[in-house]
Amino acid sequence: FWTAANAGNLPAVSFLKAAAYQDGHAGYSDPLDEQQFLVDTINRLQKL
């Protein structure tokens, strides 16, 4: 996704799924790891 986005080829529709440890699922993930993924992703998208 970032290869395409950084090259100026952001797709019209993109579904992003975090690696499991950052997806927020209790038992193997958590809200703090999830927050890291969400904020990193959204910060980068806002700079495109």
All heavy atoms as atom14 arrays in JSON, in Angstrom:
{
  "sequence": "FWTAANAGNLPAVSFLKAAAYQDGHAGYSDPLDEQQFLVDTINRLQKL",
  "atom14_mask": [
    [1, 1, 1, 1, 1, 1, 1, 1, 1, 1, 1, 0, 0, 0],
    [1, 1, 1, 1, 1, 1, 1, 1, 1, 1, 1, 1, 1, 1],
    [1, 1, 1, 1, 1, 1, 1, 0, 0, 0, 0, 0, 0, 0],
    [1, 1, 1, 1, 1, 0, 0, 0, 0, 0, 0, 0, 0, 0],
    [1, 1, 1, 1, 1, 0, 0, 0, 0, 0, 0, 0, 0, 0],
    [1, 1, 1, 1, 1, 1, 1, 1, 0, 0, 0, 0, 0, 0],
    [1, 1, 1, 1, 1, 0, 0, 0, 0, 0, 0, 0, 0, 0],
    [1, 1, 1, 1, 0, 0, 0, 0, 0, 0, 0, 0, 0, 0],
    [1, 1, 1, 1, 1, 1, 1, 1, 0, 0, 0, 0, 0, 0],
    [1, 1, 1, 1, 1, 1, 1, 1, 0, 0, 0, 0, 0, 0],
    [1, 1, 1, 1, 1, 1, 1, 0, 0, 0, 0, 0, 0, 0],
    [1, 1, 1, 1, 1, 0, 0, 0, 0, 0, 0, 0, 0, 0],
    [1, 1, 1, 1, 1, 1, 1, 0, 0, 0, 0, 0, 0, 0],
    [1, 1, 1, 1, 1, 1, 0, 0, 0, 0, 0, 0, 0, 0],
    [1, 1, 1, 1, 1, 1, 1, 1, 1, 1, 1, 0, 0, 0],
    [1, 1, 1, 1, 1, 1, 1, 1, 0, 0, 0, 0, 0, 0],
    [1, 1, 1, 1, 1, 1, 1, 1, 1, 0, 0, 0, 0, 0],
    [1, 1, 1, 1, 1, 0, 0, 0, 0, 0, 0, 0, 0, 0],
    [1, 1, 1, 1, 1, 0, 0, 0, 0, 0, 0, 0, 0, 0],
    [1, 1, 1, 1, 1, 0, 0, 0, 0, 0, 0, 0, 0, 0],
    [1, 1, 1, 1, 1, 1, 1, 1, 1, 1, 1, 1, 0, 0],
    [1, 1, 1, 1, 1, 1, 1, 1, 1, 0, 0, 0, 0, 0],
    [1, 1, 1, 1, 1, 1, 1, 1, 0, 0, 0, 0, 0, 0],
    [1, 1, 1, 1, 0, 0, 0, 0, 0, 0, 0, 0, 0, 0],
    [1, 1, 1, 1, 1, 1, 1, 1, 1, 1, 0, 0, 0, 0],
    [1, 1, 1, 1, 1, 0, 0, 0, 0, 0, 0, 0, 0, 0],
    [1, 1, 1, 1, 0, 0, 0, 0, 0, 0, 0, 0, 0, 0],
    [1, 1, 1, 1, 1, 1, 1, 1, 1, 1, 1, 1, 0, 0],
    [1, 1, 1, 1, 1, 1, 0, 0, 0, 0, 0, 0, 0, 0],
    [1, 1, 1, 1, 1, 1, 1, 1, 0, 0, 0, 0, 0, 0],
    [1, 1, 1, 1, 1, 1, 1, 0, 0, 0, 0, 0, 0, 0],
    [1, 1, 1, 1, 1, 1, 1, 1, 0, 0, 0, 0, 0, 0],
    [1, 1, 1, 1, 1, 1, 1, 1, 0, 0, 0, 0, 0, 0],
    [1, 1, 1, 1, 1, 1, 1, 1, 1, 0, 0, 0, 0, 0],
    [1, 1, 1, 1, 1, 1, 1, 1, 1, 0, 0, 0, 0, 0],
    [1, 1, 1, 1, 1, 1, 1, 1, 1, 0, 0, 0, 0, 0],
    [1, 1, 1, 1, 1, 1, 1, 1, 1, 1, 1, 0, 0, 0],
    [1, 1, 1, 1, 1, 1, 1, 1, 0, 0, 0, 0, 0, 0],
    [1, 1, 1, 1, 1, 1, 1, 0, 0, 0, 0, 0, 0, 0],
    [1, 1, 1, 1, 1, 1, 1, 1, 0, 0, 0, 0, 0, 0],
    [1, 1, 1, 1, 1, 1, 1, 0, 0, 0, 0, 0, 0, 0],
    [1, 1, 1, 1, 1, 1, 1, 1, 0, 0, 0, 0, 0, 0],
    [1, 1, 1, 1, 1, 1, 1, 1, 0, 0, 0, 0, 0, 0],
    [1, 1, 1, 1, 1, 1, 1, 1, 1, 1, 1, 0, 0, 0],
    [1, 1, 1, 1, 1, 1, 1, 1, 0, 0, 0, 0, 0, 0],
    [1, 1, 1, 1, 1, 1, 1, 1, 1, 0, 0, 0, 0, 0],
    [1, 1, 1, 1, 1, 1, 1, 1, 1, 0, 0, 0, 0, 0],
    [1, 1, 1, 1, 1, 1, 1, 1, 0, 0, 0, 0, 0, 0]
  ],
  "atom14_positions": [
    [[0.84, -1.2, 0.0], [0.0, 0.0, 0.0], [0.87, 1.25, 0.0], [0.64, 2.2, -0.76], [-0.93, 0.01, 1.21], [-1.73, 1.28, 1.35], [-2.84, 1.5, 0.56], [-1.35, 2.27, 2.26], [-3.57, 2.67, 0.67], [-2.07, 3.44, 2.39], [-3.19, 3.64, 1.59], [0.0, 0.0, 0.0], [0.0, 0.0, 0.0], [0.0, 0.0, 0.0]],
    [[1.9, 1.25, 0.83], [2.75, 2.43, 0.92], [3.64, 2.58, -0.29], [3.99, 3.7, -0.69], [3.55, 2.39, 2.21], [2.65, 2.5, 3.4], [2.4, 1.55, 4.35], [1.82, 3.62, 3.75], [1.48, 2.0, 5.26], [1.11, 3.27, 4.92], [1.62, 4.88, 3.19], [0.21, 4.15, 5.54], [0.72, 5.75, 3.8], [0.04, 5.38, 4.96]],
    [[4.0, 1.46, -0.91], [4.74, 1.54, -2.17], [3.92, 2.3, -3.21], [4.43, 3.19, -3.89], [5.08, 0.14, -2.69], [5.93, -0.52, -1.75], [5.77, 0.2, -4.04], [0.0, 0.0, 0.0], [0.0, 0.0, 0.0], [0.0, 0.0, 0.0], [0.0, 0.0, 0.0], [0.0, 0.0, 0.0], [0.0, 0.0, 0.0], [0.0, 0.0, 0.0]],
    [[2.64, 1.95, -3.32], [1.77, 2.62, -4.27], [1.5, 4.07, -3.87], [1.57, 4.99, -4.7], [0.45, 1.86, -4.41], [0.0, 0.0, 0.0], [0.0, 0.0, 0.0], [0.0, 0.0, 0.0], [0.0, 0.0, 0.0], [0.0, 0.0, 0.0], [0.0, 0.0, 0.0], [0.0, 0.0, 0.0], [0.0, 0.0, 0.0], [0.0, 0.0, 0.0]],
    [[1.2, 4.28, -2.59], [0.86, 5.62, -2.12], [2.03, 6.59, -2.3], [1.85, 7.73, -2.76], [0.43, 5.58, -0.66], [0.0, 0.0, 0.0], [0.0, 0.0, 0.0], [0.0, 0.0, 0.0], [0.0, 0.0, 0.0], [0.0, 0.0, 0.0], [0.0, 0.0, 0.0], [0.0, 0.0, 0.0], [0.0, 0.0, 0.0], [0.0, 0.0, 0.0]],
    [[3.22, 6.15, -1.95], [4.39, 7.02, -2.04], [4.78, 7.32, -3.48], [5.46, 8.31, -3.76], [5.57, 6.4, -1.3], [5.33, 6.33, 0.2], [4.55, 7.09, 0.76], [6.0, 5.39, 0.86], [0.0, 0.0, 0.0], [0.0, 0.0, 0.0], [0.0, 0.0, 0.0], [0.0, 0.0, 0.0], [0.0, 0.0, 0.0], [0.0, 0.0, 0.0]],
    [[4.35, 6.46, -4.4], [4.63, 6.68, -5.82], [3.53, 7.51, -6.49], [3.58, 7.74, -7.7], [4.77, 5.34, -6.54], [0.0, 0.0, 0.0], [0.0, 0.0, 0.0], [0.0, 0.0, 0.0], [0.0, 0.0, 0.0], [0.0, 0.0, 0.0], [0.0, 0.0, 0.0], [0.0, 0.0, 0.0], [0.0, 0.0, 0.0], [0.0, 0.0, 0.0]],
    [[2.55, 7.96, -5.71], [1.46, 8.74, -6.27], [0.38, 7.91, -6.92], [-0.41, 8.43, -7.72], [0.0, 0.0, 0.0], [0.0, 0.0, 0.0], [0.0, 0.0, 0.0], [0.0, 0.0, 0.0], [0.0, 0.0, 0.0], [0.0, 0.0, 0.0], [0.0, 0.0, 0.0], [0.0, 0.0, 0.0], [0.0, 0.0, 0.0], [0.0, 0.0, 0.0]],
    [[0.33, 6.61, -6.59], [-0.66, 5.71, -7.2], [-1.62, 5.16, -6.15], [-1.91, 3.96, -6.13], [0.05, 4.55, -7.91], [0.89, 5.03, -9.07], [0.49, 5.93, -9.82], [2.07, 4.44, -9.24], [0.0, 0.0, 0.0], [0.0, 0.0, 0.0], [0.0, 0.0, 0.0], [0.0, 0.0, 0.0], [0.0, 0.0, 0.0], [0.0, 0.0, 0.0]],
    [[-2.11, 6.02, -5.27], [-3.06, 5.57, -4.25], [-4.3, 5.01, -4.94], [-4.92, 5.69, -5.76], [-3.44, 6.73, -3.34], [-4.27, 6.4, -2.1], [-3.41, 5.64, -1.1], [-4.82, 7.68, -1.46], [0.0, 0.0, 0.0], [0.0, 0.0, 0.0], [0.0, 0.0, 0.0], [0.0, 0.0, 0.0], [0.0, 0.0, 0.0], [0.0, 0.0, 0.0]],
    [[-4.69, 3.75, -4.68], [-5.88, 3.2, -5.33], [-7.14, 3.98, -4.96], [-7.19, 4.68, -3.94], [-5.94, 1.77, -4.78], [-4.53, 1.45, -4.37], [-3.98, 2.75, -3.86], [0.0, 0.0, 0.0], [0.0, 0.0, 0.0], [0.0, 0.0, 0.0], [0.0, 0.0, 0.0], [0.0, 0.0, 0.0], [0.0, 0.0, 0.0], [0.0, 0.0, 0.0]],
    [[-8.16, 3.83, -5.77], [-9.43, 4.48, -5.49], [-10.01, 3.95, -4.18], [-10.49, 4.72, -3.34], [-10.4, 4.26, -6.64], [0.0, 0.0, 0.0], [0.0, 0.0, 0.0], [0.0, 0.0, 0.0], [0.0, 0.0, 0.0], [0.0, 0.0, 0.0], [0.0, 0.0, 0.0], [0.0, 0.0, 0.0], [0.0, 0.0, 0.0], [0.0, 0.0, 0.0]],
    [[-9.95, 2.63, -3.98], [-10.5, 2.0, -2.78], [-9.43, 1.08, -2.19], [-8.91, 0.21, -2.89], [-11.77, 1.2, -3.08], [-12.28, 0.5, -1.83], [-12.86, 2.1, -3.67], [0.0, 0.0, 0.0], [0.0, 0.0, 0.0], [0.0, 0.0, 0.0], [0.0, 0.0, 0.0], [0.0, 0.0, 0.0], [0.0, 0.0, 0.0], [0.0, 0.0, 0.0]],
    [[-9.13, 1.3, -0.92], [-8.12, 0.48, -0.24], [-8.68, 0.01, 1.1], [-9.23, 0.8, 1.87], [-6.84, 1.28, 0.01], [-6.3, 1.79, -1.19], [0.0, 0.0, 0.0], [0.0, 0.0, 0.0], [0.0, 0.0, 0.0], [0.0, 0.0, 0.0], [0.0, 0.0, 0.0], [0.0, 0.0, 0.0], [0.0, 0.0, 0.0], [0.0, 0.0, 0.0]],
    [[-8.53, -1.28, 1.36], [-8.86, -1.85, 2.66], [-7.53, -2.2, 3.34], [-6.74, -2.97, 2.8], [-9.69, -3.12, 2.52], [-11.0, -2.92, 1.81], [-11.11, -3.1, 0.43], [-12.15, -2.56, 2.51], [-12.32, -2.93, -0.23], [-13.36, -2.39, 1.86], [-13.44, -2.57, 0.49], [0.0, 0.0, 0.0], [0.0, 0.0, 0.0], [0.0, 0.0, 0.0]],
    [[-7.29, -1.64, 4.54], [-6.04, -1.88, 5.25], [-6.31, -2.71, 6.49], [-7.2, -2.39, 7.29], [-5.38, -0.57, 5.66], [-4.4, 0.07, 4.65], [-5.07, 0.32, 3.32], [-3.83, 1.35, 5.21], [0.0, 0.0, 0.0], [0.0, 0.0, 0.0], [0.0, 0.0, 0.0], [0.0, 0.0, 0.0], [0.0, 0.0, 0.0], [0.0, 0.0, 0.0]],
    [[-5.55, -3.79, 6.63], [-5.66, -4.67, 7.77], [-4.31, -4.75, 8.46], [-3.31, -5.17, 7.87], [-6.1, -6.08, 7.33], [-6.51, -6.98, 8.48], [-7.83, -6.53, 9.06], [-8.29, -7.39, 10.2], [-9.58, -6.93, 10.75], [0.0, 0.0, 0.0], [0.0, 0.0, 0.0], [0.0, 0.0, 0.0], [0.0, 0.0, 0.0], [0.0, 0.0, 0.0]],
    [[-4.28, -4.35, 9.72], [-3.02, -4.36, 10.47], [-2.5, -5.77, 10.66], [-3.27, -6.75, 10.67], [-3.24, -3.7, 11.83], [0.0, 0.0, 0.0], [0.0, 0.0, 0.0], [0.0, 0.0, 0.0], [0.0, 0.0, 0.0], [0.0, 0.0, 0.0], [0.0, 0.0, 0.0], [0.0, 0.0, 0.0], [0.0, 0.0, 0.0], [0.0, 0.0, 0.0]],
    [[-1.19, -5.89, 10.83], [-0.64, -7.15, 11.34], [-1.33, -7.45, 12.66], [-1.72, -6.55, 13.41], [0.87, -7.03, 11.52], [0.0, 0.0, 0.0], [0.0, 0.0, 0.0], [0.0, 0.0, 0.0], [0.0, 0.0, 0.0], [0.0, 0.0, 0.0], [0.0, 0.0, 0.0], [0.0, 0.0, 0.0], [0.0, 0.0, 0.0], [0.0, 0.0, 0.0]],
    [[-1.5, -8.72, 12.98], [-2.38, -9.13, 14.08], [-2.07, -8.41, 15.39], [-2.99, -8.02, 16.12], [-2.3, -10.64, 14.27], [0.0, 0.0, 0.0], [0.0, 0.0, 0.0], [0.0, 0.0, 0.0], [0.0, 0.0, 0.0], [0.0, 0.0, 0.0], [0.0, 0.0, 0.0], [0.0, 0.0, 0.0], [0.0, 0.0, 0.0], [0.0, 0.0, 0.0]],
    [[-0.8, -8.21, 15.71], [-0.47, -7.62, 17.01], [-0.98, -6.18, 17.13], [-1.07, -5.64, 18.24], [1.03, -7.68, 17.27], [1.87, -6.63, 16.59], [2.48, -5.61, 17.32], [2.07, -6.65, 15.21], [3.26, -4.64, 16.71], [2.86, -5.69, 14.59], [3.44, -4.69, 15.34], [4.21, -3.72, 14.72], [0.0, 0.0, 0.0], [0.0, 0.0, 0.0]],
    [[-1.35, -5.55, 16.01], [-1.84, -4.17, 16.04], [-3.3, -4.04, 15.61], [-3.78, -2.94, 15.41], [-0.98, -3.29, 15.11], [0.43, -3.06, 15.6], [1.19, -2.09, 14.73], [1.04, -2.08, 13.5], [2.0, -1.23, 15.34], [0.0, 0.0, 0.0], [0.0, 0.0, 0.0], [0.0, 0.0, 0.0], [0.0, 0.0, 0.0], [0.0, 0.0, 0.0]],
    [[-4.03, -5.15, 15.53], [-5.41, -5.05, 15.02], [-6.44, -4.82, 16.12], [-7.63, -4.66, 15.83], [-5.78, -6.26, 14.15], [-5.89, -7.59, 14.93], [-5.99, -7.58, 16.17], [-5.89, -8.65, 14.26], [0.0, 0.0, 0.0], [0.0, 0.0, 0.0], [0.0, 0.0, 0.0], [0.0, 0.0, 0.0], [0.0, 0.0, 0.0], [0.0, 0.0, 0.0]],
    [[-6.03, -4.8, 17.39], [-6.93, -4.48, 18.49], [-7.66, -5.66, 19.11], [-8.42, -5.47, 20.07], [0.0, 0.0, 0.0], [0.0, 0.0, 0.0], [0.0, 0.0, 0.0], [0.0, 0.0, 0.0], [0.0, 0.0, 0.0], [0.0, 0.0, 0.0], [0.0, 0.0, 0.0], [0.0, 0.0, 0.0], [0.0, 0.0, 0.0], [0.0, 0.0, 0.0]],
    [[-7.47, -6.85, 18.59], [-8.18, -8.04, 19.07], [-7.66, -8.46, 20.43], [-6.48, -8.78, 20.6], [-7.95, -9.18, 18.06], [-8.83, -10.36, 18.24], [-8.94, -11.07, 19.42], [-9.66, -10.99, 17.36], [-9.77, -12.08, 19.26], [-10.23, -12.05, 18.0], [0.0, 0.0, 0.0], [0.0, 0.0, 0.0], [0.0, 0.0, 0.0], [0.0, 0.0, 0.0]],
    [[-8.53, -8.46, 21.44], [-8.13, -8.88, 22.79], [-7.57, -10.29, 22.74], [-7.97, -11.12, 21.94], [-9.33, -8.82, 23.73], [0.0, 0.0, 0.0], [0.0, 0.0, 0.0], [0.0, 0.0, 0.0], [0.0, 0.0, 0.0], [0.0, 0.0, 0.0], [0.0, 0.0, 0.0], [0.0, 0.0, 0.0], [0.0, 0.0, 0.0], [0.0, 0.0, 0.0]],
    [[-6.62, -10.55, 23.63], [-5.98, -11.86, 23.7], [-4.6, -11.86, 23.08], [-3.68, -12.46, 23.62], [0.0, 0.0, 0.0], [0.0, 0.0, 0.0], [0.0, 0.0, 0.0], [0.0, 0.0, 0.0], [0.0, 0.0, 0.0], [0.0, 0.0, 0.0], [0.0, 0.0, 0.0], [0.0, 0.0, 0.0], [0.0, 0.0, 0.0], [0.0, 0.0, 0.0]],
    [[-4.44, -11.19, 21.92], [-3.12, -11.11, 21.3], [-2.76, -9.69, 20.88], [-1.62, -9.4, 20.56], [-3.0, -12.06, 20.1], [-3.98, -11.77, 18.97], [-3.75, -10.71, 18.09], [-5.1, -12.55, 18.77], [-4.63, -10.45, 17.05], [-5.98, -12.3, 17.74], [-5.74, -11.25, 16.88], [-6.61, -10.98, 15.86], [0.0, 0.0, 0.0], [0.0, 0.0, 0.0]],
    [[-3.72, -8.79, 20.88], [-3.47, -7.38, 20.61], [-4.12, -6.56, 21.72], [-4.61, -7.11, 22.72], [-4.0, -6.98, 19.23], [-3.66, -5.64, 18.92], [0.0, 0.0, 0.0], [0.0, 0.0, 0.0], [0.0, 0.0, 0.0], [0.0, 0.0, 0.0], [0.0, 0.0, 0.0], [0.0, 0.0, 0.0], [0.0, 0.0, 0.0], [0.0, 0.0, 0.0]],
    [[-4.15, -5.24, 21.55], [-4.58, -4.36, 22.64], [-4.77, -2.96, 22.09], [-4.31, -2.64, 21.0], [-3.51, -4.35, 23.74], [-2.17, -3.89, 23.18], [-1.42, -4.73, 22.66], [-1.91, -2.67, 23.22], [0.0, 0.0, 0.0], [0.0, 0.0, 0.0], [0.0, 0.0, 0.0], [0.0, 0.0, 0.0], [0.0, 0.0, 0.0], [0.0, 0.0, 0.0]],
    [[-5.44, -2.08, 22.84], [-5.69, -0.72, 22.32], [-4.45, 0.12, 22.13], [-4.47, 1.06, 21.31], [-6.63, -0.11, 23.37], [-6.51, -0.96, 24.58], [-6.17, -2.33, 24.09], [0.0, 0.0, 0.0], [0.0, 0.0, 0.0], [0.0, 0.0, 0.0], [0.0, 0.0, 0.0], [0.0, 0.0, 0.0], [0.0, 0.0, 0.0], [0.0, 0.0, 0.0]],
    [[-3.36, -0.14, 22.83], [-2.15, 0.68, 22.67], [-1.37, 0.3, 21.42], [-0.89, 1.17, 20.69], [-1.28, 0.59, 23.92], [-1.92, 1.1, 25.21], [-0.93, 1.03, 26.37], [-2.44, 2.54, 25.04], [0.0, 0.0, 0.0], [0.0, 0.0, 0.0], [0.0, 0.0, 0.0], [0.0, 0.0, 0.0], [0.0, 0.0, 0.0], [0.0, 0.0, 0.0]],
    [[-1.22, -1.0, 21.16], [-0.62, -1.42, 19.9], [-1.5, -0.99, 18.72], [-0.99, -0.58, 17.68], [-0.42, -2.94, 19.88], [0.85, -3.38, 20.6], [1.9, -2.76, 20.35], [0.78, -4.33, 21.42], [0.0, 0.0, 0.0], [0.0, 0.0, 0.0], [0.0, 0.0, 0.0], [0.0, 0.0, 0.0], [0.0, 0.0, 0.0], [0.0, 0.0, 0.0]],
    [[-2.8, -1.11, 18.9], [-3.72, -0.67, 17.85], [-3.57, 0.82, 17.57], [-3.55, 1.26, 16.41], [-5.17, -0.97, 18.27], [-6.18, -0.5, 17.25], [-7.62, -0.61, 17.74], [-7.83, -0.73, 18.96], [-8.53, -0.56, 16.9], [0.0, 0.0, 0.0], [0.0, 0.0, 0.0], [0.0, 0.0, 0.0], [0.0, 0.0, 0.0], [0.0, 0.0, 0.0]],
    [[-3.47, 1.61, 18.62], [-3.31, 3.05, 18.46], [-2.06, 3.39, 17.65], [-2.09, 4.31, 16.81], [-3.24, 3.73, 19.83], [-3.04, 5.23, 19.78], [-3.22, 5.85, 21.15], [-4.31, 6.28, 21.51], [-2.16, 5.9, 21.93], [0.0, 0.0, 0.0], [0.0, 0.0, 0.0], [0.0, 0.0, 0.0], [0.0, 0.0, 0.0], [0.0, 0.0, 0.0]],
    [[-0.99, 2.67, 17.89], [0.25, 2.9, 17.14], [0.0, 2.74, 15.64], [0.42, 3.57, 14.82], [1.33, 1.93, 17.6], [2.7, 2.14, 16.98], [3.51, 3.21, 17.67], [3.46, 3.32, 18.89], [4.28, 3.98, 16.91], [0.0, 0.0, 0.0], [0.0, 0.0, 0.0], [0.0, 0.0, 0.0], [0.0, 0.0, 0.0], [0.0, 0.0, 0.0]],
    [[-0.7, 1.67, 15.26], [-1.01, 1.43, 13.85], [-1.92, 2.5, 13.28], [-1.66, 3.06, 12.2], [-1.66, 0.05, 13.68], [-2.27, -0.15, 12.31], [-1.46, -0.4, 11.22], [-3.65, -0.07, 12.13], [-2.02, -0.56, 9.95], [-4.22, -0.24, 10.88], [-3.39, -0.49, 9.78], [0.0, 0.0, 0.0], [0.0, 0.0, 0.0], [0.0, 0.0, 0.0]],
    [[-3.0, 2.8, 13.98], [-3.96, 3.77, 13.47], [-3.32, 5.14, 13.27], [-3.48, 5.77, 12.22], [-5.16, 3.88, 14.42], [-6.08, 2.66, 14.51], [-7.14, 2.89, 15.59], [-6.76, 2.38, 13.17], [0.0, 0.0, 0.0], [0.0, 0.0, 0.0], [0.0, 0.0, 0.0], [0.0, 0.0, 0.0], [0.0, 0.0, 0.0], [0.0, 0.0, 0.0]],
    [[-2.62, 5.61, 14.27], [-2.05, 6.95, 14.19], [-0.94, 7.03, 13.15], [-0.89, 7.98, 12.35], [-1.55, 7.41, 15.57], [-0.81, 8.74, 15.47], [-2.73, 7.54, 16.53], [0.0, 0.0, 0.0], [0.0, 0.0, 0.0], [0.0, 0.0, 0.0], [0.0, 0.0, 0.0], [0.0, 0.0, 0.0], [0.0, 0.0, 0.0], [0.0, 0.0, 0.0]],
    [[-0.05, 6.04, 13.13], [1.0, 6.03, 12.11], [0.39, 6.09, 10.71], [0.85, 6.84, 9.84], [1.87, 4.78, 12.23], [2.9, 4.87, 13.35], [3.19, 5.99, 13.81], [3.41, 3.81, 13.77], [0.0, 0.0, 0.0], [0.0, 0.0, 0.0], [0.0, 0.0, 0.0], [0.0, 0.0, 0.0], [0.0, 0.0, 0.0], [0.0, 0.0, 0.0]],
    [[-0.64, 5.28, 10.48], [-1.27, 5.21, 9.17], [-1.95, 6.52, 8.81], [-1.77, 7.06, 7.71], [-2.3, 4.07, 9.14], [-1.65, 2.83, 9.43], [-2.97, 3.97, 7.78], [0.0, 0.0, 0.0], [0.0, 0.0, 0.0], [0.0, 0.0, 0.0], [0.0, 0.0, 0.0], [0.0, 0.0, 0.0], [0.0, 0.0, 0.0], [0.0, 0.0, 0.0]],
    [[-2.72, 7.06, 9.73], [-3.49, 8.27, 9.44], [-2.57, 9.48, 9.3], [-2.78, 10.35, 8.43], [-4.57, 8.48, 10.51], [-5.59, 7.33, 10.44], [-5.28, 9.82, 10.34], [-6.54, 7.26, 11.61], [0.0, 0.0, 0.0], [0.0, 0.0, 0.0], [0.0, 0.0, 0.0], [0.0, 0.0, 0.0], [0.0, 0.0, 0.0], [0.0, 0.0, 0.0]],
    [[-1.53, 9.57, 10.13], [-0.56, 10.65, 9.96], [0.06, 10.63, 8.57], [0.2, 11.67, 7.91], [0.56, 10.53, 11.01], [0.14, 10.99, 12.4], [-0.94, 11.56, 12.59], [0.99, 10.75, 13.37], [0.0, 0.0, 0.0], [0.0, 0.0, 0.0], [0.0, 0.0, 0.0], [0.0, 0.0, 0.0], [0.0, 0.0, 0.0], [0.0, 0.0, 0.0]],
    [[0.44, 9.45, 8.09], [1.06, 9.33, 6.77], [0.08, 9.69, 5.66], [0.45, 10.36, 4.68], [1.62, 7.92, 6.56], [2.8, 7.58, 7.45], [3.3, 6.17, 7.23], [3.96, 6.01, 5.93], [4.55, 4.88, 5.53], [4.57, 3.82, 6.35], [5.14, 4.81, 4.35], [0.0, 0.0, 0.0], [0.0, 0.0, 0.0], [0.0, 0.0, 0.0]],
    [[-1.15, 9.24, 5.78], [-2.15, 9.56, 4.76], [-2.41, 11.05, 4.66], [-2.62, 11.6, 3.57], [-3.46, 8.81, 5.05], [-3.44, 7.31, 4.77], [-4.68, 6.64, 5.35], [-3.37, 7.05, 3.26], [0.0, 0.0, 0.0], [0.0, 0.0, 0.0], [0.0, 0.0, 0.0], [0.0, 0.0, 0.0], [0.0, 0.0, 0.0], [0.0, 0.0, 0.0]],
    [[-2.4, 11.74, 5.8], [-2.66, 13.18, 5.79], [-1.52, 13.97, 5.14], [-1.72, 15.12, 4.74], [-2.87, 13.67, 7.22], [-4.17, 13.2, 7.85], [-4.33, 13.65, 9.29], [-5.06, 14.59, 9.56], [-3.65, 12.98, 10.19], [0.0, 0.0, 0.0], [0.0, 0.0, 0.0], [0.0, 0.0, 0.0], [0.0, 0.0, 0.0], [0.0, 0.0, 0.0]],
    [[-0.36, 13.37, 5.02], [0.79, 14.06, 4.42], [0.92, 13.81, 2.92], [1.8, 14.36, 2.28], [2.06, 13.64, 5.15], [2.08, 14.08, 6.62], [3.28, 13.52, 7.38], [3.24, 13.93, 8.85], [4.35, 13.35, 9.65], [0.0, 0.0, 0.0], [0.0, 0.0, 0.0], [0.0, 0.0, 0.0], [0.0, 0.0, 0.0], [0.0, 0.0, 0.0]],
    [[0.03, 12.99, 2.36], [0.06, 12.71, 0.92], [-0.65, 13.83, 0.15], [-1.58, 14.45, 0.66], [-0.62, 11.38, 0.62], [0.03, 10.11, 1.17], [-0.86, 8.91, 0.86], [1.42, 9.9, 0.58], [0.0, 0.0, 0.0], [0.0, 0.0, 0.0], [0.0, 0.0, 0.0], [0.0, 0.0, 0.0], [0.0, 0.0, 0.0], [0.0, 0.0, 0.0]]
  ]
}
